[in-house]
C-alpha atoms as a PDB file:
ATOM      1  CA  MET A   1     -10.595   3.322  15.228  1.00  0.00           C
ATOM      2  CA  LYS A   2     -10.374   2.708  11.476  1.00  0.00           C
ATOM      3  CA  LYS A   3     -13.614   4.588  10.763  1.00  0.00           C
ATOM      4  CA  GLY A   4     -12.428   7.454  12.927  1.00  0.00           C
ATOM      5  CA  LEU A   5      -9.146   7.764  11.039  1.00  0.00           C
ATOM      6  CA  ILE A   6     -10.888   7.672   7.677  1.00  0.00           C
ATOM      7  CA  GLY A   7     -13.368  10.274   8.846  1.00  0.00           C
ATOM      8  CA  LEU A   8     -10.631  12.613  10.040  1.00  0.00           C
ATOM      9  CA  LEU A   9      -8.762  12.232   6.763  1.00  0.00           C
ATOM     10  CA  ALA A  10     -11.953  12.887   4.791  1.00  0.00           C
ATOM     11  CA  ILE A  11     -12.552  16.087   6.779  1.00  0.00           C
ATOM     12  CA  PHE A  12      -8.985  17.156   6.061  1.00  0.00           C
ATOM     13  CA  LEU A  13      -9.389  16.510   2.355  1.00  0.00           C
ATOM     14  CA  MET A  14     -12.653  18.430   2.184  1.00  0.00           C
ATOM     15  CA  ALA A  15     -11.018  21.394   3.887  1.00  0.00           C
ATOM     16  CA  ALA A  16      -7.856  21.264   1.786  1.00  0.00           C
ATOM     17  CA  LEU A  17      -9.341  20.834  -1.679  1.00  0.00           C
ATOM     18  CA  PRO A  18     -10.988  23.739  -3.504  1.00  0.00           C
ATOM     19  CA  SER A  19     -14.750  23.672  -3.990  1.00  0.00           C
ATOM     20  CA  PRO A  20     -15.356  22.768  -7.635  1.00  0.00           C
ATOM     21  CA  ALA A  21     -17.822  24.421  -9.938  1.00  0.00           C
ATOM     22  CA  ALA A  22     -20.702  22.160 -10.893  1.00  0.00           C
ATOM     23  CA  GLY A  23     -19.361  19.230 -12.905  1.00  0.00           C
ATOM     24  CA  ALA A  24     -15.770  20.510 -12.892  1.00  0.00           C
ATOM     25  CA  GLU A  25     -12.919  17.999 -12.681  1.00  0.00           C
ATOM     26  CA  VAL A  26     -10.495  19.231 -10.040  1.00  0.00           C
ATOM     27  CA  LEU A  27      -8.852  16.127  -8.601  1.00  0.00           C
ATOM     28  CA  PRO A  28      -5.464  15.272 -10.148  1.00  0.00           C
ATOM     29  CA  ARG A  29      -4.997  12.236 -12.373  1.00  0.00           C
ATOM     30  CA  ALA A  30      -2.336  10.815 -10.070  1.00  0.00           C
ATOM     31  CA  ILE A  31      -1.825  11.180  -6.322  1.00  0.00           C
ATOM     32  CA  LEU A  32       1.126   9.942  -4.287  1.00  0.00           C
ATOM     33  CA  GLY A  33       0.322   8.332  -0.962  1.00  0.00           C
ATOM     34  CA  ILE A  34       3.141   8.355   1.584  1.00  0.00           C
ATOM     35  CA  PHE A  35       2.638   5.784   4.332  1.00  0.00           C
ATOM     36  CA  GLY A  36       4.967   6.855   7.099  1.00  0.00           C
ATOM     37  CA  GLY A  37       5.535   7.456  10.763  1.00  0.00           C
ATOM     38  CA  MET A  38       8.325   4.845  10.837  1.00  0.00           C
ATOM     39  CA  GLY A  39       9.717   7.312  11.892  1.00  0.00           C
ATOM     40  CA  PRO A  40       8.016  10.688  11.487  1.00  0.00           C
ATOM     41  CA  GLU A  41      11.151  12.675  10.660  1.00  0.00           C
ATOM     42  CA  ALA A  42      12.095  10.220   7.922  1.00  0.00           C
ATOM     43  CA  THR A  43       8.589  10.645   6.517  1.00  0.00           C
ATOM     44  CA  ALA A  44       8.949  14.425   6.477  1.00  0.00           C
ATOM     45  CA  ASN A  45      12.375  14.052   4.887  1.00  0.00           C
ATOM     46  CA  LEU A  46      10.970  11.950   2.041  1.00  0.00           C
ATOM     47  CA  TYR A  47       8.332  14.542   1.217  1.00  0.00           C
ATOM     48  CA  GLN A  48      10.883  17.359   1.465  1.00  0.00           C
ATOM     49  CA  THR A  49      13.188  15.446  -0.886  1.00  0.00           C
ATOM     50  CA  ILE A  50      10.394  14.941  -3.422  1.00  0.00           C
ATOM     51  CA  VAL A  51       9.662  18.671  -3.311  1.00  0.00           C
ATOM     52  CA  GLU A  52      13.348  19.451  -3.839  1.00  0.00           C
ATOM     53  CA  ILE A  53      13.857  17.139  -6.841  1.00  0.00           C
ATOM     54  CA  THR A  54      10.603  18.012  -8.621  1.00  0.00           C
ATOM     55  CA  PRO A  55      11.229  20.262 -11.647  1.00  0.00           C
ATOM     56  CA  ALA A  56       8.661  22.886 -10.660  1.00  0.00           C
ATOM     57  CA  ALA A  57       8.284  26.533 -11.613  1.00  0.00           C
ATOM     58  CA  GLN A  58       5.079  27.010  -9.615  1.00  0.00           C
ATOM     59  CA  ASP A  59       2.977  25.311  -6.944  1.00  0.00           C
ATOM     60  CA  GLN A  60       0.864  23.499  -9.514  1.00  0.00           C
ATOM     61  CA  ASP A  61       3.901  21.639 -10.898  1.00  0.00           C
ATOM     62  CA  HIS A  62       4.428  19.684  -7.668  1.00  0.00           C
ATOM     63  CA  VAL A  63       3.250  16.153  -6.874  1.00  0.00           C
ATOM     64  CA  PRO A  64      -0.225  15.902  -5.273  1.00  0.00           C
ATOM     65  CA  THR A  65       0.417  13.997  -2.066  1.00  0.00           C
ATOM     66  CA  LEU A  66      -1.497  12.373   0.767  1.00  0.00           C
ATOM     67  CA  ILE A  67       0.634  11.646   3.851  1.00  0.00           C
ATOM     68  CA  PHE A  68      -0.505   9.221   6.525  1.00  0.00           C
ATOM     69  CA  SER A  69       2.011   9.257   9.371  1.00  0.00           C
ATOM     70  CA  PHE A  70       1.182   6.393  11.737  1.00  0.00           C
ATOM     71  CA  PRO A  71       3.873   6.304  14.483  1.00  0.00           C
ATOM     72  CA  GLN A  72       1.859   3.822  16.572  1.00  0.00           C
ATOM     73  CA  ILE A  73       2.807   0.959  14.259  1.00  0.00           C
ATOM     74  CA  PRO A  74       4.677  -1.628  16.384  1.00  0.00           C
ATOM     75  CA  ASP A  75       8.457  -1.743  16.112  1.00  0.00           C
ATOM     76  CA  ARG A  76       9.398  -3.476  12.868  1.00  0.00           C
ATOM     77  CA  THR A  77      12.701  -4.962  14.036  1.00  0.00           C
ATOM     78  CA  THR A  78      11.104  -6.472  17.151  1.00  0.00           C
ATOM     79  CA  SER A  79       8.197  -7.881  15.131  1.00  0.00           C
ATOM     80  CA  ILE A  80      10.561  -9.576  12.685  1.00  0.00           C
ATOM     81  CA  ARG A  81      12.787 -11.005  15.405  1.00  0.00           C
ATOM     82  CA  THR A  82       9.872 -12.451  17.389  1.00  0.00           C
ATOM     83  CA  GLY A  83       7.790 -13.503  14.397  1.00  0.00           C
ATOM     84  CA  ASP A  84       4.892 -11.454  15.790  1.00  0.00           C
ATOM     85  CA  ARG A  85       2.377 -10.952  12.964  1.00  0.00           C
ATOM     86  CA  SER A  86       0.216  -8.539  14.963  1.00  0.00           C
ATOM     87  CA  ILE A  87       1.988  -5.716  13.113  1.00  0.00           C
ATOM     88  CA  VAL A  88       0.396  -6.716   9.798  1.00  0.00           C
ATOM     89  CA  PRO A  89      -3.096  -5.218  10.398  1.00  0.00           C
ATOM     90  CA  TYR A  90      -1.482  -1.840  11.147  1.00  0.00           C
ATOM     91  CA  LEU A  91       0.386  -1.911   7.850  1.00  0.00           C
ATOM     92  CA  VAL A  92      -2.540  -3.246   5.842  1.00  0.00           C
ATOM     93  CA  GLU A  93      -4.985  -0.672   7.185  1.00  0.00           C
ATOM     94  CA  GLY A  94      -2.463   2.082   6.556  1.00  0.00           C
ATOM     95  CA  VAL A  95      -2.149   1.376   2.831  1.00  0.00           C
ATOM     96  CA  ARG A  96      -5.889   0.760   2.519  1.00  0.00           C
ATOM     97  CA  LEU A  97      -6.645   4.141   4.072  1.00  0.00           C
ATOM     98  CA  LEU A  98      -4.458   5.868   1.494  1.00  0.00           C
ATOM     99  CA  GLU A  99      -6.085   3.972  -1.369  1.00  0.00           C
ATOM    100  CA  LYS A 100      -9.589   4.812  -0.115  1.00  0.00           C
ATOM    101  CA  SER A 101      -8.557   8.444   0.219  1.00  0.00           C
ATOM    102  CA  GLY A 102      -7.557   8.690  -3.433  1.00  0.00           C
ATOM    103  CA  ALA A 103      -3.892   7.740  -3.674  1.00  0.00           C
ATOM    104  CA  THR A 104      -3.006   6.109  -7.001  1.00  0.00           C
ATOM    105  CA  PHE A 105       0.332   4.708  -5.774  1.00  0.00           C
ATOM    106  CA  ILE A 106       2.177   4.437  -2.460  1.00  0.00           C
ATOM    107  CA  ALA A 107       5.706   5.016  -1.162  1.00  0.00           C
ATOM    108  CA  ILE A 108       6.765   3.748   2.263  1.00  0.00           C
ATOM    109  CA  PRO A 109       9.832   5.458   3.797  1.00  0.00           C
ATOM    110  CA  CYS A 110      10.846   2.516   5.973  1.00  0.00           C
ATOM    111  CA  ASN A 111      13.167  -0.189   4.687  1.00  0.00           C
ATOM    112  CA  THR A 112      12.397  -2.679   7.457  1.00  0.00           C
ATOM    113  CA  ALA A 113       8.641  -2.507   6.811  1.00  0.00           C
ATOM    114  CA  HIS A 114       9.278  -3.963   3.348  1.00  0.00           C
ATOM    115  CA  TYR A 115       9.602  -7.355   5.015  1.00  0.00           C
ATOM    116  CA  TYR A 116       5.789  -7.181   4.947  1.00  0.00           C
ATOM    117  CA  TYR A 117       5.628  -5.801   1.395  1.00  0.00           C
ATOM    118  CA  ASP A 118       3.584  -8.711   0.008  1.00  0.00           C
ATOM    119  CA  ASP A 119       0.977  -8.367   2.781  1.00  0.00           C
ATOM    120  CA  MET A 120       0.553  -4.678   1.983  1.00  0.00           C
ATOM    121  CA  GLN A 121       0.542  -5.021  -1.802  1.00  0.00           C
ATOM    122  CA  LYS A 122      -2.079  -7.785  -1.687  1.00  0.00           C
ATOM    123  CA  ALA A 123      -4.332  -5.501   0.385  1.00  0.00           C
ATOM    124  CA  VAL A 124      -4.615  -2.757  -2.265  1.00  0.00           C
ATOM    125  CA  ARG A 125      -5.128  -2.485  -6.021  1.00  0.00           C
ATOM    126  CA  ILE A 126      -2.695   0.388  -6.498  1.00  0.00           C
ATOM    127  CA  PRO A 127       1.078  -0.139  -6.809  1.00  0.00           C
ATOM    128  CA  ILE A 128       3.387   0.152  -3.822  1.00  0.00           C
ATOM    129  CA  ILE A 129       6.950   1.075  -4.724  1.00  0.00           C
ATOM    130  CA  HIS A 130       9.412  -1.561  -3.490  1.00  0.00           C
ATOM    131  CA  MET A 131      12.057   0.649  -1.910  1.00  0.00           C
ATOM    132  CA  ILE A 132      14.735  -2.017  -1.537  1.00  0.00           C
ATOM    133  CA  ARG A 133      14.339  -3.339  -5.079  1.00  0.00           C
ATOM    134  CA  GLU A 134      14.599   0.196  -6.424  1.00  0.00           C
ATOM    135  CA  ALA A 135      17.707   0.894  -4.324  1.00  0.00           C
ATOM    136  CA  ALA A 136      19.496  -2.231  -5.557  1.00  0.00           C
ATOM    137  CA  ALA A 137      18.631  -1.524  -9.188  1.00  0.00           C
ATOM    138  CA  GLU A 138      19.717   2.113  -8.923  1.00  0.00           C
ATOM    139  CA  THR A 139      23.002   1.148  -7.267  1.00  0.00           C
ATOM    140  CA  LEU A 140      23.932  -1.054 -10.233  1.00  0.00           C
ATOM    141  CA  LYS A 141      22.686   1.542 -12.699  1.00  0.00           C
ATOM    142  CA  ARG A 142      24.942   4.202 -11.204  1.00  0.00           C
ATOM    143  CA  HIS A 143      27.895   1.893 -10.519  1.00  0.00           C
ATOM    144  CA  PRO A 144      27.911  -0.945 -13.068  1.00  0.00           C
ATOM    145  CA  GLY A 145      30.485  -3.649 -12.540  1.00  0.00           C
ATOM    146  CA  ILE A 146      30.706  -3.447  -8.763  1.00  0.00           C
ATOM    147  CA  LYS A 147      30.929  -6.737  -6.916  1.00  0.00           C
ATOM    148  CA  THR A 148      30.499  -5.758  -3.253  1.00  0.00           C
ATOM    149  CA  VAL A 149      28.359  -3.209  -1.415  1.00  0.00           C
ATOM    150  CA  GLY A 150      28.355  -2.307   2.254  1.00  0.00           C
ATOM    151  CA  LEU A 151      24.953  -1.983   3.906  1.00  0.00           C
ATOM    152  CA  LEU A 152      24.096   0.302   6.808  1.00  0.00           C
ATOM    153  CA  ALA A 153      20.619  -0.633   8.028  1.00  0.00           C
ATOM    154  CA  THR A 154      18.643  -1.707  11.069  1.00  0.00           C
ATOM    155  CA  SER A 155      19.329  -5.134  12.483  1.00  0.00           C
ATOM    156  CA  GLY A 156      15.760  -5.984  11.457  1.00  0.00           C
ATOM    157  CA  THR A 157      16.391  -5.122   7.815  1.00  0.00           C
ATOM    158  CA  ILE A 158      19.642  -7.082   7.866  1.00  0.00           C
ATOM    159  CA  ALA A 159      17.871 -10.079   9.435  1.00  0.00           C
ATOM    160  CA  THR A 160      15.295 -10.166   6.625  1.00  0.00           C
ATOM    161  CA  GLY A 161      17.970 -10.621   3.974  1.00  0.00           C
ATOM    162  CA  LEU A 162      15.965  -8.409   1.618  1.00  0.00           C
ATOM    163  CA  TYR A 163      18.939  -6.371   0.445  1.00  0.00           C
ATOM    164  CA  GLU A 164      21.078  -9.496   0.159  1.00  0.00           C
ATOM    165  CA  LYS A 165      18.420 -11.134  -2.027  1.00  0.00           C
ATOM    166  CA  GLU A 166      18.086  -8.169  -4.383  1.00  0.00           C
ATOM    167  CA  PHE A 167      21.837  -7.707  -4.757  1.00  0.00           C
ATOM    168  CA  ARG A 168      22.575 -11.430  -5.019  1.00  0.00           C
ATOM    169  CA  GLU A 169      20.193 -11.648  -7.974  1.00  0.00           C
ATOM    170  CA  ARG A 170      22.330  -8.950  -9.603  1.00  0.00           C
ATOM    171  CA  GLY A 171      25.613 -10.726  -8.848  1.00  0.00           C
ATOM    172  CA  VAL A 172      26.658  -8.446  -5.990  1.00  0.00           C
ATOM    173  CA  ALA A 173      27.715  -9.462  -2.467  1.00  0.00           C
ATOM    174  CA  VAL A 174      26.587  -7.502   0.605  1.00  0.00           C
ATOM    175  CA  LEU A 175      28.765  -6.713   3.609  1.00  0.00           C
ATOM    176  CA  VAL A 176      27.117  -5.730   6.905  1.00  0.00           C
ATOM    177  CA  PRO A 177      28.641  -4.524  10.187  1.00  0.00           C
ATOM    178  CA  ASP A 178      29.646  -7.197  12.663  1.00  0.00           C
ATOM    179  CA  GLU A 179      27.291  -7.783  15.576  1.00  0.00           C
ATOM    180  CA  GLY A 180      29.087  -5.408  17.925  1.00  0.00           C
ATOM    181  CA  GLN A 181      29.266  -2.544  15.434  1.00  0.00           C
ATOM    182  CA  GLU A 182      25.661  -3.054  14.384  1.00  0.00           C
ATOM    183  CA  SER A 183      24.570  -2.688  17.998  1.00  0.00           C
ATOM    184  CA  ASP A 184      27.018  -0.051  19.246  1.00  0.00           C
ATOM    185  CA  LEU A 185      27.352   2.126  16.144  1.00  0.00           C
ATOM    186  CA  VAL A 186      24.384   1.671  13.805  1.00  0.00           C
ATOM    187  CA  MET A 187      21.413   0.808  16.031  1.00  0.00           C
ATOM    188  CA  ARG A 188      22.613   3.232  18.704  1.00  0.00           C
ATOM    189  CA  SER A 189      22.700   6.001  16.094  1.00  0.00           C
ATOM    190  CA  ILE A 190      19.243   5.123  14.751  1.00  0.00           C
ATOM    191  CA  GLU A 191      17.794   5.251  18.261  1.00  0.00           C
ATOM    192  CA  LEU A 192      19.436   8.632  18.912  1.00  0.00           C
ATOM    193  CA  ILE A 193      18.189  10.007  15.589  1.00  0.00           C
ATOM    194  CA  LYS A 194      14.632   8.902  16.349  1.00  0.00           C
ATOM    195  CA  ALA A 195      14.922  10.631  19.727  1.00  0.00           C
ATOM    196  CA  ARG A 196      16.358  13.749  18.024  1.00  0.00           C
ATOM    197  CA  ARG A 197      19.506  13.626  20.129  1.00  0.00           C
ATOM    198  CA  ASP A 198      23.211  14.248  19.475  1.00  0.00           C
ATOM    199  CA  ARG A 199      23.409  14.229  15.675  1.00  0.00           C
ATOM    200  CA  GLU A 200      27.128  14.947  15.793  1.00  0.00           C
ATOM    201  CA  LEU A 201      27.762  11.746  17.751  1.00  0.00           C
ATOM    202  CA  CYS A 202      25.599   9.871  15.241  1.00  0.00           C
ATOM    203  CA  ARG A 203      27.716  11.201  12.372  1.00  0.00           C
ATOM    204  CA  GLU A 204      30.842   9.941  14.094  1.00  0.00           C
ATOM    205  CA  LEU A 205      29.391   6.506  14.855  1.00  0.00           C
ATOM    206  CA  LEU A 206      27.886   5.976  11.400  1.00  0.00           C
ATOM    207  CA  GLY A 207      31.064   7.239   9.748  1.00  0.00           C
ATOM    208  CA  GLN A 208      33.058   4.684  11.712  1.00  0.00           C
ATOM    209  CA  ALA A 209      30.700   1.888  10.640  1.00  0.00           C
ATOM    210  CA  GLY A 210      30.848   3.023   7.015  1.00  0.00           C
ATOM    211  CA  ARG A 211      34.656   3.214   6.959  1.00  0.00           C
ATOM    212  CA  ASP A 212      34.912  -0.308   8.365  1.00  0.00           C
ATOM    213  CA  LEU A 213      32.709  -1.628   5.541  1.00  0.00           C
ATOM    214  CA  VAL A 214      35.003   0.086   3.023  1.00  0.00           C
ATOM    215  CA  ARG A 215      38.073  -1.362   4.762  1.00  0.00           C
ATOM    216  CA  ARG A 216      36.539  -4.820   4.356  1.00  0.00           C
ATOM    217  CA  GLY A 217      36.008  -4.335   0.630  1.00  0.00           C
ATOM    218  CA  ALA A 218      32.768  -2.415   0.053  1.00  0.00           C
ATOM    219  CA  GLN A 219      32.895  -0.519  -3.249  1.00  0.00           C
ATOM    220  CA  VAL A 220      29.662   1.375  -2.492  1.00  0.00           C
ATOM    221  CA  VAL A 221      27.946   2.118   0.824  1.00  0.00           C
ATOM    222  CA  VAL A 222      24.155   1.794   0.763  1.00  0.00           C
ATOM    223  CA  LEU A 223      22.150   3.708   3.361  1.00  0.00           C
ATOM    224  CA  GLY A 224      19.355   1.192   3.907  1.00  0.00           C
ATOM    225  CA  CYS A 225      17.523   2.904   6.764  1.00  0.00           C
ATOM    226  CA  THR A 226      15.505   6.097   6.389  1.00  0.00           C
ATOM    227  CA  GLU A 227      16.932   7.546   9.621  1.00  0.00           C
ATOM    228  CA  ILE A 228      20.585   7.096   8.643  1.00  0.00           C
ATOM    229  CA  PRO A 229      20.664   9.774   5.886  1.00  0.00           C
ATOM    230  CA  LEU A 230      19.536  12.314   8.487  1.00  0.00           C
ATOM    231  CA  ALA A 231      22.975  12.064  10.123  1.00  0.00           C
ATOM    232  CA  PHE A 232      25.356  10.213   7.792  1.00  0.00           C
ATOM    233  CA  ASP A 233      28.022  12.347   6.106  1.00  0.00           C
ATOM    234  CA  PRO A 234      29.055  10.826   2.728  1.00  0.00           C
ATOM    235  CA  ALA A 235      32.409  12.597   3.035  1.00  0.00           C
ATOM    236  CA  THR A 236      33.367  10.211   5.847  1.00  0.00           C
ATOM    237  CA  VAL A 237      33.905   7.377   3.347  1.00  0.00           C
ATOM    238  CA  ASP A 238      35.977   7.386   0.169  1.00  0.00           C
ATOM    239  CA  VAL A 239      33.542   5.355  -1.961  1.00  0.00           C
ATOM    240  CA  PRO A 240      30.198   6.331  -3.516  1.00  0.00           C
ATOM    241  CA  VAL A 241      27.139   6.378  -1.252  1.00  0.00           C
ATOM    242  CA  VAL A 242      23.631   5.374  -2.347  1.00  0.00           C
ATOM    243  CA  ASN A 243      20.824   6.818  -0.239  1.00  0.00           C
ATOM    244  CA  ALA A 244      17.785   4.525  -0.487  1.00  0.00           C
ATOM    245  CA  SER A 245      15.527   7.357   0.699  1.00  0.00           C
ATOM    246  CA  LEU A 246      16.605   9.532  -2.240  1.00  0.00           C
ATOM    247  CA  VAL A 247      16.119   6.584  -4.593  1.00  0.00           C
ATOM    248  CA  LEU A 248      12.574   6.179  -3.250  1.00  0.00           C
ATOM    249  CA  ALA A 249      11.859   9.874  -3.809  1.00  0.00           C
ATOM    250  CA  GLU A 250      13.130   9.628  -7.386  1.00  0.00           C
ATOM    251  CA  ALA A 251      11.049   6.507  -8.018  1.00  0.00           C
ATOM    252  CA  ALA A 252       7.929   8.228  -6.637  1.00  0.00           C
ATOM    253  CA  LEU A 253       8.418  11.237  -8.904  1.00  0.00           C
ATOM    254  CA  ARG A 254       9.023   8.980 -11.895  1.00  0.00           C
ATOM    255  CA  LEU A 255       5.902   6.882 -11.232  1.00  0.00           C
ATOM    256  CA  TYR A 256       3.794   9.999 -10.735  1.00  0.00           C
ATOM    257  CA  GLN A 257       4.911  11.363 -14.092  1.00  0.00           C
ATOM    258  CA  GLU A 258       4.202   7.998 -15.753  1.00  0.00           C
ATOM    259  CA  GLN A 259       0.701   7.844 -14.293  1.00  0.00           C
ATOM    260  CA  VAL A 260      -0.074  11.397 -15.385  1.00  0.00           C
ATOM    261  CA  ARG A 261       0.987  10.574 -18.962  1.00  0.00           C
ATOM    262  CA  GLU A 262      -0.949   7.296 -18.997  1.00  0.00           C
ATOM    263  CA  ARG A 263      -4.142   8.881 -17.697  1.00  0.00           C
ATOM    264  CA  ALA A 264      -3.856  11.824 -20.091  1.00  0.00           C
ATOM    265  CA  SER A 265      -3.446   9.390 -22.978  1.00  0.00           C
ATOM    266  CA  ALA A 266      -6.440   7.334 -21.814  1.00  0.00           C
ATOM    267  CA  ASP A 267      -8.586  10.455 -21.489  1.00  0.00           C
ATOM    268  CA  LEU A 268      -7.618  11.544 -25.013  1.00  0.00           C
ATOM    269  CA  THR A 269      -8.493   8.110 -26.391  1.00  0.00           C
ATOM    270  CA  VAL A 270     -11.925   8.243 -24.744  1.00  0.00           C
ATOM    271  CA  HIS A 271     -12.476  11.776 -26.055  1.00  0.00           C
ATOM    272  CA  LEU A 272     -11.571  10.797 -29.621  1.00  0.00           C
ATOM    273  CA  LYS A 273     -13.912   7.794 -29.522  1.00  0.00           C
ATOM    274  CA  SER A 274     -16.856   9.818 -28.200  1.00  0.00           C
END
């Protein structure tokens, strides 16, 4: 299966890339790899967001990107709850495929999958952006001095404590929906969004969950699931909203620009020495 996937991706790359003149360097210095499919619409949304925030005047100004959407990855929340490690090979092979295909860094539009971040990062030599760490840092950068955030996320992400850990290290407490609201409002909405059903109902349910977090003292609402921004309306709460998916897109663009500068500098150094 792995060889077949790599072969299909290689065929795609050969068809998509222009044929170079003899000895010409055509591949970009930096290539973003998006490891997605968790779910597919959230993956498409991340790429669309990166396109929208890139300061581009022409096609060539955009970020070279490889997207591997792998919807067959087992459910992350179930895997975490049961302690089933059979999900790990799916995640490891996914990031390895992107590295072998030429990606120089990776973004993963799935908060819950970051429970297995260390397994994935150890499997490749290129950096994987830590979505949750970036979201916590950006929240404090935009809203310094806050003491409490409200988190809307999957029950799996909440169970990992990843957001709590990142915010606790920054002196910020995290509020989450109670068990009934998490099941009836948040997880129900996520399931409907994945099934592409009744977005208006999802807006109502997620708005209710967000308002309850604010009522309990949240000074900022963090959207910690890549499906939630597809339906959540920030106008339904009267506090700032931080979209972790947008933060990931911004981090990917920033890292791409850094890698381009670093590689250009290294190439110039080699040229001057030769």
